[in-house]
Amino acid sequence: MELLDQIIHYSHYIRSFGQAAVFIICAAIVLQCHIPMIPFAIVAGLCGYLFSFHQGMLLAWGSVVTGSIIAFSVFRFFKLDKFSNQIMTRYQRLPELSDKFVISFIVIMHNIPAIPIAIPNIVAAMSSISLTRFTAFTAVGLLVPCVLFTGFGAGVNAFLENPGVLTSIPILAAAGFFLLIKLINLDKVLEKIE
């Protein structure tokens, strides 16, 4: 399992910083909301592995929502919404970035592990969605991945300390989620949302 190996590898590196590990993980999560560096699944798994499920989940979710708000504000500062409106009016082929489209895009894209967190932030900044709506739907859209990946990291830690059936439940839940993503036909889901 590549995800497991990466979580264990990065956890040894982060633990070497001692008390500063919390700030390093928070900074990594906030930075990856702007520029995809380390996949969010690995960083959230690290939070669960290092700080247990409850603390790790709060740390990962709070950091990623805060980082997304900062990224949205930075991208909005550069007037991406006006730039995208000029492009859309010029070519008249691109769909309008309505609030309904952007909200569904945010929630769906945050629940696909292969999509970097920065992509929905950039698309939202290109639209005319308000900061309040963006914050609310980003927080909702990121809740499931935070719980899932943090639970996976906490489950790995618990399983390595005390191997057993009950400690492997978060690992099995994460594997089931990845299998479910492979089986879902995303085109049919998107057609139903429209």
C-alpha atoms as a PDB file:
ATOM      1  CA  MET A   1       0.000   0.000   0.000  1.00  0.00           C
ATOM      2  CA  GLU A   2       1.681   3.144  -1.201  1.00  0.00           C
ATOM      3  CA  LEU A   3      -0.471   5.480   0.938  1.00  0.00           C
ATOM      4  CA  LEU A   4       0.469   3.567   4.093  1.00  0.00           C
ATOM      5  CA  ASP A   5       4.178   3.669   3.245  1.00  0.00           C
ATOM      6  CA  GLN A   6       4.041   7.407   2.588  1.00  0.00           C
ATOM      7  CA  ILE A   7       2.178   8.114   5.837  1.00  0.00           C
ATOM      8  CA  ILE A   8       4.754   6.157   7.868  1.00  0.00           C
ATOM      9  CA  HIS A   9       7.688   7.754   5.996  1.00  0.00           C
ATOM     10  CA  TYR A  10       6.442  11.325   6.466  1.00  0.00           C
ATOM     11  CA  SER A  11       5.436  10.695  10.088  1.00  0.00           C
ATOM     12  CA  HIS A  12       9.026   9.810  11.055  1.00  0.00           C
ATOM     13  CA  TYR A  13      10.230  13.003   9.391  1.00  0.00           C
ATOM     14  CA  ILE A  14       7.548  15.199  11.035  1.00  0.00           C
ATOM     15  CA  ARG A  15       8.135  13.663  14.492  1.00  0.00           C
ATOM     16  CA  SER A  16      11.768  14.755  14.324  1.00  0.00           C
ATOM     17  CA  PHE A  17      10.587  18.379  14.722  1.00  0.00           C
ATOM     18  CA  GLY A  18       9.073  17.691  18.159  1.00  0.00           C
ATOM     19  CA  GLN A  19       6.608  20.357  19.318  1.00  0.00           C
ATOM     20  CA  ALA A  20       6.806  22.219  15.990  1.00  0.00           C
ATOM     21  CA  ALA A  21       5.221  19.247  14.179  1.00  0.00           C
ATOM     22  CA  VAL A  22       1.712  20.698  14.581  1.00  0.00           C
ATOM     23  CA  PHE A  23       2.729  23.980  12.951  1.00  0.00           C
ATOM     24  CA  ILE A  24       4.557  22.194  10.132  1.00  0.00           C
ATOM     25  CA  ILE A  25       1.516  20.053   9.306  1.00  0.00           C
ATOM     26  CA  CYS A  26      -0.814  23.081   9.469  1.00  0.00           C
ATOM     27  CA  ALA A  27       1.509  25.033   7.176  1.00  0.00           C
ATOM     28  CA  ALA A  28       1.727  22.105   4.729  1.00  0.00           C
ATOM     29  CA  ILE A  29      -2.076  21.833   4.597  1.00  0.00           C
ATOM     30  CA  VAL A  30      -2.528  25.588   4.085  1.00  0.00           C
ATOM     31  CA  LEU A  31       0.142  25.645   1.352  1.00  0.00           C
ATOM     32  CA  GLN A  32      -1.329  22.688  -0.511  1.00  0.00           C
ATOM     33  CA  CYS A  33      -4.613  24.630  -0.762  1.00  0.00           C
ATOM     34  CA  HIS A  34      -2.733  27.086  -3.000  1.00  0.00           C
ATOM     35  CA  ILE A  35      -0.220  24.852  -4.752  1.00  0.00           C
ATOM     36  CA  PRO A  36      -0.603  21.073  -4.765  1.00  0.00           C
ATOM     37  CA  MET A  37       2.561  19.690  -3.156  1.00  0.00           C
ATOM     38  CA  ILE A  38       1.737  16.659  -1.044  1.00  0.00           C
ATOM     39  CA  PRO A  39      -1.682  15.049  -1.637  1.00  0.00           C
ATOM     40  CA  PHE A  40      -4.240  15.952   1.030  1.00  0.00           C
ATOM     41  CA  ALA A  41      -4.904  12.254   1.712  1.00  0.00           C
ATOM     42  CA  ILE A  42      -1.339  11.821   2.954  1.00  0.00           C
ATOM     43  CA  VAL A  43      -1.319  14.967   5.090  1.00  0.00           C
ATOM     44  CA  ALA A  44      -4.701  14.164   6.679  1.00  0.00           C
ATOM     45  CA  GLY A  45      -3.537  10.577   7.242  1.00  0.00           C
ATOM     46  CA  LEU A  46      -0.446  11.973   8.957  1.00  0.00           C
ATOM     47  CA  CYS A  47      -2.669  14.042  11.245  1.00  0.00           C
ATOM     48  CA  GLY A  48      -4.539  10.906  12.308  1.00  0.00           C
ATOM     49  CA  TYR A  49      -1.368   8.853  12.620  1.00  0.00           C
ATOM     50  CA  LEU A  50       0.484  11.409  14.739  1.00  0.00           C
ATOM     51  CA  PHE A  51      -2.262  13.057  16.793  1.00  0.00           C
ATOM     52  CA  SER A  52      -5.052  10.409  17.089  1.00  0.00           C
ATOM     53  CA  PHE A  53      -8.383  10.584  15.304  1.00  0.00           C
ATOM     54  CA  HIS A  54     -10.138  13.416  17.175  1.00  0.00           C
ATOM     55  CA  GLN A  55      -7.238  15.853  17.358  1.00  0.00           C
ATOM     56  CA  GLY A  56      -5.975  14.925  13.899  1.00  0.00           C
ATOM     57  CA  MET A  57      -9.409  15.378  12.327  1.00  0.00           C
ATOM     58  CA  LEU A  58      -9.897  18.801  13.893  1.00  0.00           C
ATOM     59  CA  LEU A  59      -6.372  19.813  12.882  1.00  0.00           C
ATOM     60  CA  ALA A  60      -6.757  18.616   9.274  1.00  0.00           C
ATOM     61  CA  TRP A  61     -10.278  19.988   8.782  1.00  0.00           C
ATOM     62  CA  GLY A  62      -9.569  23.353  10.422  1.00  0.00           C
ATOM     63  CA  SER A  63      -6.338  23.799   8.474  1.00  0.00           C
ATOM     64  CA  VAL A  64      -7.759  22.826   5.089  1.00  0.00           C
ATOM     65  CA  VAL A  65     -10.836  25.041   5.456  1.00  0.00           C
ATOM     66  CA  THR A  66      -8.662  27.955   6.624  1.00  0.00           C
ATOM     67  CA  GLY A  67      -6.211  27.341   3.789  1.00  0.00           C
ATOM     68  CA  SER A  68      -9.041  27.203   1.250  1.00  0.00           C
ATOM     69  CA  ILE A  69     -10.469  30.502   2.489  1.00  0.00           C
ATOM     70  CA  ILE A  70      -7.019  32.123   2.245  1.00  0.00           C
ATOM     71  CA  ALA A  71      -6.487  30.640  -1.247  1.00  0.00           C
ATOM     72  CA  PHE A  72      -9.933  31.800  -2.409  1.00  0.00           C
ATOM     73  CA  SER A  73      -9.201  35.315  -1.123  1.00  0.00           C
ATOM     74  CA  VAL A  74      -5.763  35.410  -2.772  1.00  0.00           C
ATOM     75  CA  PHE A  75      -7.110  34.156  -6.102  1.00  0.00           C
ATOM     76  CA  ARG A  76     -10.030  36.595  -5.863  1.00  0.00           C
ATOM     77  CA  PHE A  77      -7.543  39.417  -5.162  1.00  0.00           C
ATOM     78  CA  PHE A  78      -6.020  38.779  -8.580  1.00  0.00           C
ATOM     79  CA  LYS A  79      -9.503  39.246 -10.113  1.00  0.00           C
ATOM     80  CA  LEU A  80      -9.825  35.778 -11.626  1.00  0.00           C
ATOM     81  CA  ASP A  81     -13.605  36.251 -11.738  1.00  0.00           C
ATOM     82  CA  LYS A  82     -13.301  39.253 -14.098  1.00  0.00           C
ATOM     83  CA  PHE A  83     -10.706  37.424 -16.188  1.00  0.00           C
ATOM     84  CA  SER A  84     -12.964  34.374 -16.589  1.00  0.00           C
ATOM     85  CA  ASN A  85     -15.963  36.583 -17.497  1.00  0.00           C
ATOM     86  CA  GLN A  86     -13.925  38.223 -20.271  1.00  0.00           C
ATOM     87  CA  ILE A  87     -12.901  34.835 -21.649  1.00  0.00           C
ATOM     88  CA  MET A  88     -16.439  33.452 -21.467  1.00  0.00           C
ATOM     89  CA  THR A  89     -17.976  36.443 -23.234  1.00  0.00           C
ATOM     90  CA  ARG A  90     -15.278  36.384 -25.891  1.00  0.00           C
ATOM     91  CA  TYR A  91     -15.614  32.710 -26.879  1.00  0.00           C
ATOM     92  CA  GLN A  92     -19.266  32.123 -25.839  1.00  0.00           C
ATOM     93  CA  ARG A  93     -18.611  28.390 -25.636  1.00  0.00           C
ATOM     94  CA  LEU A  94     -17.648  28.006 -22.023  1.00  0.00           C
ATOM     95  CA  PRO A  95     -20.452  27.407 -19.514  1.00  0.00           C
ATOM     96  CA  GLU A  96     -21.381  30.165 -17.125  1.00  0.00           C
ATOM     97  CA  LEU A  97     -19.943  29.611 -13.670  1.00  0.00           C
ATOM     98  CA  SER A  98     -23.223  29.927 -11.802  1.00  0.00           C
ATOM     99  CA  ASP A  99     -23.394  29.498  -8.035  1.00  0.00           C
ATOM    100  CA  LYS A 100     -25.207  26.157  -8.438  1.00  0.00           C
ATOM    101  CA  PHE A 101     -22.472  24.801 -10.716  1.00  0.00           C
ATOM    102  CA  VAL A 102     -19.658  26.071  -8.484  1.00  0.00           C
ATOM    103  CA  ILE A 103     -21.258  24.704  -5.290  1.00  0.00           C
ATOM    104  CA  SER A 104     -21.700  21.234  -6.794  1.00  0.00           C
ATOM    105  CA  PHE A 105     -18.202  21.411  -8.260  1.00  0.00           C
ATOM    106  CA  ILE A 106     -16.722  22.275  -4.846  1.00  0.00           C
ATOM    107  CA  VAL A 107     -18.522  19.499  -2.973  1.00  0.00           C
ATOM    108  CA  ILE A 108     -17.869  16.803  -5.604  1.00  0.00           C
ATOM    109  CA  MET A 109     -14.228  17.686  -6.313  1.00  0.00           C
ATOM    110  CA  HIS A 110     -13.306  17.777  -2.630  1.00  0.00           C
ATOM    111  CA  ASN A 111     -14.504  14.180  -2.322  1.00  0.00           C
ATOM    112  CA  ILE A 112     -12.302  12.852  -5.130  1.00  0.00           C
ATOM    113  CA  PRO A 113      -8.860  12.137  -3.644  1.00  0.00           C
ATOM    114  CA  ALA A 114      -6.994  12.506  -6.953  1.00  0.00           C
ATOM    115  CA  ILE A 115      -8.138  16.134  -7.386  1.00  0.00           C
ATOM    116  CA  PRO A 116      -5.912  18.668  -5.581  1.00  0.00           C
ATOM    117  CA  ILE A 117      -7.679  20.995  -3.122  1.00  0.00           C
ATOM    118  CA  ALA A 118      -6.355  23.996  -5.098  1.00  0.00           C
ATOM    119  CA  ILE A 119      -8.489  23.215  -8.179  1.00  0.00           C
ATOM    120  CA  PRO A 120     -11.921  23.895  -6.574  1.00  0.00           C
ATOM    121  CA  ASN A 121     -10.433  26.980  -4.905  1.00  0.00           C
ATOM    122  CA  ILE A 122      -9.305  28.389  -8.264  1.00  0.00           C
ATOM    123  CA  VAL A 123     -12.596  27.573  -9.996  1.00  0.00           C
ATOM    124  CA  ALA A 124     -14.571  29.184  -7.163  1.00  0.00           C
ATOM    125  CA  ALA A 125     -12.398  32.304  -7.366  1.00  0.00           C
ATOM    126  CA  MET A 126     -13.149  32.513 -11.098  1.00  0.00           C
ATOM    127  CA  SER A 127     -16.883  32.636 -10.361  1.00  0.00           C
ATOM    128  CA  SER A 128     -19.003  35.213  -8.605  1.00  0.00           C
ATOM    129  CA  ILE A 129     -19.755  33.028  -5.565  1.00  0.00           C
ATOM    130  CA  SER A 130     -19.666  34.842  -2.229  1.00  0.00           C
ATOM    131  CA  LEU A 131     -17.063  34.094   0.430  1.00  0.00           C
ATOM    132  CA  THR A 132     -19.796  32.943   2.833  1.00  0.00           C
ATOM    133  CA  ARG A 133     -21.182  30.364   0.411  1.00  0.00           C
ATOM    134  CA  PHE A 134     -17.710  29.240  -0.556  1.00  0.00           C
ATOM    135  CA  THR A 135     -16.751  28.763   3.100  1.00  0.00           C
ATOM    136  CA  ALA A 136     -19.923  26.846   3.972  1.00  0.00           C
ATOM    137  CA  PHE A 137     -19.759  24.429   1.059  1.00  0.00           C
ATOM    138  CA  THR A 138     -16.008  23.976   1.319  1.00  0.00           C
ATOM    139  CA  ALA A 139     -16.373  23.049   4.994  1.00  0.00           C
ATOM    140  CA  VAL A 140     -19.140  20.565   4.147  1.00  0.00           C
ATOM    141  CA  GLY A 141     -17.314  19.167   1.105  1.00  0.00           C
ATOM    142  CA  LEU A 142     -14.078  18.600   3.031  1.00  0.00           C
ATOM    143  CA  LEU A 143     -15.656  16.972   6.092  1.00  0.00           C
ATOM    144  CA  VAL A 144     -15.935  13.461   4.620  1.00  0.00           C
ATOM    145  CA  PRO A 145     -12.365  13.321   3.219  1.00  0.00           C
ATOM    146  CA  CYS A 146     -10.996  14.653   6.524  1.00  0.00           C
ATOM    147  CA  VAL A 147     -12.847  12.027   8.539  1.00  0.00           C
ATOM    148  CA  LEU A 148     -11.904   9.273   6.108  1.00  0.00           C
ATOM    149  CA  PHE A 149      -8.192  10.014   5.733  1.00  0.00           C
ATOM    150  CA  THR A 150      -7.649  10.954   9.369  1.00  0.00           C
ATOM    151  CA  GLY A 151      -9.453   7.783  10.398  1.00  0.00           C
ATOM    152  CA  PHE A 152      -7.219   5.831   8.046  1.00  0.00           C
ATOM    153  CA  GLY A 153      -4.084   7.310   9.639  1.00  0.00           C
ATOM    154  CA  ALA A 154      -5.392   6.712  13.157  1.00  0.00           C
ATOM    155  CA  GLY A 155      -6.353   3.163  12.188  1.00  0.00           C
ATOM    156  CA  VAL A 156      -2.876   2.486  10.825  1.00  0.00           C
ATOM    157  CA  ASN A 157      -1.340   3.739  14.067  1.00  0.00           C
ATOM    158  CA  ALA A 158      -3.726   1.673  16.213  1.00  0.00           C
ATOM    159  CA  PHE A 159      -3.212  -1.395  14.037  1.00  0.00           C
ATOM    160  CA  LEU A 160       0.589  -1.143  14.207  1.00  0.00           C
ATOM    161  CA  GLU A 161       0.482  -0.752  18.001  1.00  0.00           C
ATOM    162  CA  ASN A 162      -2.082  -3.506  18.610  1.00  0.00           C
ATOM    163  CA  PRO A 163      -2.935  -5.606  15.528  1.00  0.00           C
ATOM    164  CA  GLY A 164      -6.503  -6.901  15.601  1.00  0.00           C
ATOM    165  CA  VAL A 165      -9.827  -6.934  13.823  1.00  0.00           C
ATOM    166  CA  LEU A 166     -11.307  -3.828  15.508  1.00  0.00           C
ATOM    167  CA  THR A 167      -8.270  -1.680  14.821  1.00  0.00           C
ATOM    168  CA  SER A 168      -8.408  -2.525  11.117  1.00  0.00           C
ATOM    169  CA  ILE A 169     -11.954  -1.110  10.640  1.00  0.00           C
ATOM    170  CA  PRO A 170     -10.792   2.414   9.561  1.00  0.00           C
ATOM    171  CA  ILE A 171      -8.365   0.832   7.093  1.00  0.00           C
ATOM    172  CA  LEU A 172     -11.158  -1.329   5.652  1.00  0.00           C
ATOM    173  CA  ALA A 173     -13.499   1.700   5.486  1.00  0.00           C
ATOM    174  CA  ALA A 174     -10.894   3.693   3.540  1.00  0.00           C
ATOM    175  CA  ALA A 175     -10.300   0.771   1.165  1.00  0.00           C
ATOM    176  CA  GLY A 176     -14.078   0.482   0.664  1.00  0.00           C
ATOM    177  CA  PHE A 177     -14.291   4.198  -0.129  1.00  0.00           C
ATOM    178  CA  PHE A 178     -11.566   3.919  -2.757  1.00  0.00           C
ATOM    179  CA  LEU A 179     -13.311   0.881  -4.272  1.00  0.00           C
ATOM    180  CA  LEU A 180     -16.602   2.792  -4.335  1.00  0.00           C
ATOM    181  CA  ILE A 181     -14.961   5.684  -6.182  1.00  0.00           C
ATOM    182  CA  LYS A 182     -13.678   3.244  -8.801  1.00  0.00           C
ATOM    183  CA  LEU A 183     -17.173   1.765  -9.284  1.00  0.00           C
ATOM    184  CA  ILE A 184     -19.144   5.044  -9.473  1.00  0.00           C
ATOM    185  CA  ASN A 185     -19.860   6.383 -12.950  1.00  0.00           C
ATOM    186  CA  LEU A 186     -19.152  10.094 -12.402  1.00  0.00           C
ATOM    187  CA  ASP A 187     -20.862  11.142 -15.656  1.00  0.00           C
ATOM    188  CA  LYS A 188     -24.225   9.745 -14.515  1.00  0.00           C
ATOM    189  CA  VAL A 189     -23.870  11.410 -11.100  1.00  0.00           C
ATOM    190  CA  LEU A 190     -23.126  14.788 -12.692  1.00  0.00           C
ATOM    191  CA  GLU A 191     -26.119  14.432 -15.049  1.00  0.00           C
ATOM    192  CA  LYS A 192     -28.454  13.918 -12.081  1.00  0.00           C
ATOM    193  CA  ILE A 193     -27.121  17.007 -10.277  1.00  0.00           C
ATOM    194  CA  GLU A 194     -27.865  19.289 -13.217  1.00  0.00           C
END
